[in-house]
Protein backbone atom coordinates (compact mmCIF):
# COMPACT_ATOMS: atom_id res chain seq x y z
CA MET A 1 -0.10 -0.17 0.00
CA THR A 2 1.28 3.25 -0.94
CA PRO A 3 1.00 6.34 1.48
CA ALA A 4 -1.92 7.94 -0.80
CA GLN A 5 -3.84 4.50 -0.62
CA ALA A 6 -3.51 4.79 3.18
CA LEU A 7 -5.09 8.08 3.16
CA THR A 8 -8.28 6.82 1.39
CA LEU A 9 -8.45 3.81 3.64
CA SER A 10 -7.78 5.47 6.77
CA PRO A 11 -10.61 5.34 9.75
CA TRP A 12 -9.13 8.51 11.19
CA PRO A 13 -11.52 11.35 10.05
CA LEU A 14 -8.95 14.36 9.90
CA ARG A 15 -5.65 13.93 8.30
CA HIS A 16 -2.45 16.35 7.42
CA ARG A 17 0.29 14.92 4.86
CA SER A 18 3.85 16.10 4.26
CA PRO A 19 5.08 16.17 0.93
CA MET A 20 7.39 13.77 -0.17
CA LEU A 21 10.79 14.36 1.21
CA GLY A 22 14.16 13.13 0.47
CA ALA A 23 15.61 10.96 3.02
CA LEU A 24 18.16 13.44 4.17
CA PRO A 25 18.89 14.77 7.72
CA THR A 26 16.61 17.87 7.40
CA ALA A 27 13.57 15.34 7.16
CA PRO A 28 12.67 15.09 10.99
CA GLY A 29 12.99 18.81 11.19
CA VAL A 30 10.15 19.06 8.51
CA ALA A 31 8.21 16.21 10.48
CA ARG A 32 8.08 18.00 13.54
CA ALA A 33 7.06 21.19 11.96
CA GLN A 34 4.19 19.39 9.98
CA VAL A 35 3.08 17.79 13.02
CA GLU A 36 2.88 21.04 15.00
CA VAL A 37 1.00 22.83 12.23
CA ALA A 38 -1.66 20.00 12.14
CA LEU A 39 -2.10 19.73 15.85
CA ARG A 40 -2.39 23.42 15.89
CA GLN A 41 -4.96 23.68 13.08
CA TRP A 42 -6.85 20.73 15.38
CA GLY A 43 -6.67 22.39 18.55
CA LEU A 44 -4.61 19.57 20.06
CA LEU A 45 -2.23 21.64 21.70
CA ASP A 46 -1.39 19.26 24.79
CA LEU A 47 -0.04 16.36 22.31
CA ILE A 48 2.28 18.74 20.42
CA ASP A 49 5.62 18.20 22.11
CA THR A 50 4.77 14.16 22.78
CA ALA A 51 3.73 13.99 18.68
CA GLN A 52 6.78 15.89 17.55
CA LEU A 53 9.28 13.85 19.61
CA VAL A 54 7.42 10.99 18.21
CA ALA A 55 7.57 12.05 14.84
CA SER A 56 11.13 13.00 15.00
CA GLU A 57 12.27 9.70 16.03
CA LEU A 58 10.45 7.66 13.46
CA THR A 59 11.76 9.91 10.68
CA THR A 60 14.99 9.89 11.93
CA ASN A 61 14.96 6.14 11.67
CA ALA A 62 13.54 6.11 8.20
CA VAL A 63 16.23 8.40 7.41
CA THR A 64 19.03 6.29 8.99
CA ALA A 65 17.23 3.14 7.40
CA SER A 66 17.67 4.84 3.90
CA THR A 67 21.13 5.83 3.91
CA HIS A 68 24.47 3.83 3.42
CA HIS A 69 25.79 3.18 7.12
CA ALA A 70 29.43 3.64 6.56
CA THR A 71 29.21 6.77 4.42
CA ARG A 72 25.70 8.36 5.86
CA GLN A 73 25.04 9.20 2.12
CA PRO A 74 21.54 8.64 0.85
CA ARG A 75 20.76 5.76 -1.06
CA TYR A 76 19.00 5.67 -4.54
CA ILE A 77 16.30 3.35 -6.19
CA GLN A 78 16.38 3.45 -10.13
CA GLY A 79 18.46 7.22 -9.91
CA HIS A 80 16.04 8.53 -7.30
CA MET A 81 16.68 9.15 -3.97
CA MET A 82 14.89 7.40 -1.59
CA GLN A 83 12.01 9.27 0.20
CA VAL A 84 10.11 9.73 3.24
CA CYS A 85 6.43 10.81 3.85
CA ILE A 86 4.62 11.73 7.37
CA ASP A 87 1.02 11.69 7.63
CA VAL A 88 -0.69 12.75 10.78
CA PHE A 89 -4.47 11.68 11.55
CA THR A 90 -6.62 12.39 14.27
CA ASN A 91 -10.15 11.47 15.89
CA ARG A 92 -10.08 14.53 17.77
CA SER A 93 -8.75 12.92 20.73
CA ASP A 94 -5.87 10.78 19.65
CA VAL A 95 -3.27 11.07 17.01
CA ARG A 96 -1.60 8.55 14.59
CA LEU A 97 1.69 9.40 13.11
CA GLU A 98 2.65 7.35 10.06
CA VAL A 99 6.19 7.89 8.79
CA TRP A 100 6.46 5.74 5.30
CA ASP A 101 9.88 4.84 3.86
CA GLN A 102 11.31 2.89 0.89
CA SER A 103 14.03 0.84 3.08
CA PRO A 104 13.22 -2.69 2.94
CA ALA A 105 14.64 -2.99 6.57
CA LEU A 106 12.22 -3.46 9.42
CA PRO A 107 12.84 -1.77 12.72
CA LYS A 108 14.04 -3.26 15.87
CA VAL A 109 12.94 -2.56 19.21
CA ALA A 110 15.96 -3.37 21.37
CA VAL A 111 17.08 -2.28 24.60
CA PRO A 112 20.85 -1.04 23.99
CA GLU A 113 23.70 -1.54 26.55
CA ASP A 114 24.03 1.41 29.07
CA THR A 115 27.08 2.49 27.24
CA ALA A 116 25.49 2.60 23.63
CA GLU A 117 25.33 5.92 22.10
CA GLY A 118 22.01 5.17 20.29
CA GLY A 119 19.34 2.50 19.84
CA ARG A 120 16.94 4.04 22.64
CA GLY A 121 14.73 5.73 20.23
CA LEU A 122 11.95 2.99 19.69
CA CYS A 123 11.93 1.97 23.20
CA ILE A 124 11.43 5.70 24.09
CA VAL A 125 8.69 5.82 21.40
CA ALA A 126 7.04 2.63 22.50
CA ALA A 127 6.75 3.93 26.22
CA MET A 128 5.41 7.36 25.14
CA THR A 129 2.63 5.98 22.95
CA ARG A 130 -0.34 3.93 23.01
CA HIS A 131 0.66 1.67 20.08
CA LEU A 132 3.70 1.22 17.82
CA GLY A 133 3.84 -0.96 14.68
CA TRP A 134 4.84 -1.23 11.22
CA THR A 135 4.02 -2.82 8.04
CA LYS A 136 6.32 -4.98 5.81
CA PRO A 137 7.04 -3.24 2.60
CA ASP A 138 4.32 -3.34 -0.23
CA ALA A 139 4.83 -4.52 -3.82
CA ARG A 140 6.17 -1.04 -4.47
CA GLY A 141 8.42 -1.11 -1.80
CA TRP A 142 6.86 1.25 0.74
CA LYS A 143 6.73 0.50 4.66
CA CYS A 144 4.86 2.36 7.30
CA VAL A 145 5.79 2.66 10.70
CA TYR A 146 3.19 4.18 12.93
CA ALA A 147 2.41 5.15 16.61
CA VAL A 148 -0.61 6.09 18.21
CA ILE A 149 -0.54 9.02 20.81
CA GLY A 150 -3.23 9.39 23.10
CA ALA A 151 -4.57 12.62 24.94
CA PRO A 152 -3.24 13.20 28.32
CA VAL A 153 -4.92 12.11 31.28
CA ASP A 154 -5.91 14.99 33.67
CA PRO A 155 -4.60 13.44 37.32
CA GLN A 156 -7.39 15.89 38.66
CA SER A 157 -10.48 14.01 37.47
């Protein structure tokens, strides 16, 4: 399923989509901005910080999976730089973030050693969200990593 097909099948009534982005280090910043714009438009101000962090982490992972590990240079498919796309959905209380990329590598949630410099992102995302999951690459090579963020619970209620 491509990102465009996913938009037509989504049960979430409101959606915001980023343009297709090159899998470059600038993509997570664009993802954070897109999430903020969408959530401000929908009045979901309490979810902005969490959603931005989750979108940034998922997009960073998509970019990392779409670059050569040794050189950190972008990978290309049939002469075109790999791309990522960020979709934001809401049902007015929860937010679903979808980050689409063209890398066949599936995410791995692992607990890194205490001295590791990275590898904690998906653990943090899993702890901050109601649901974290992903799809296998479809016939066209797109996979989706998604997370659902719930409205904060008021401890006074």
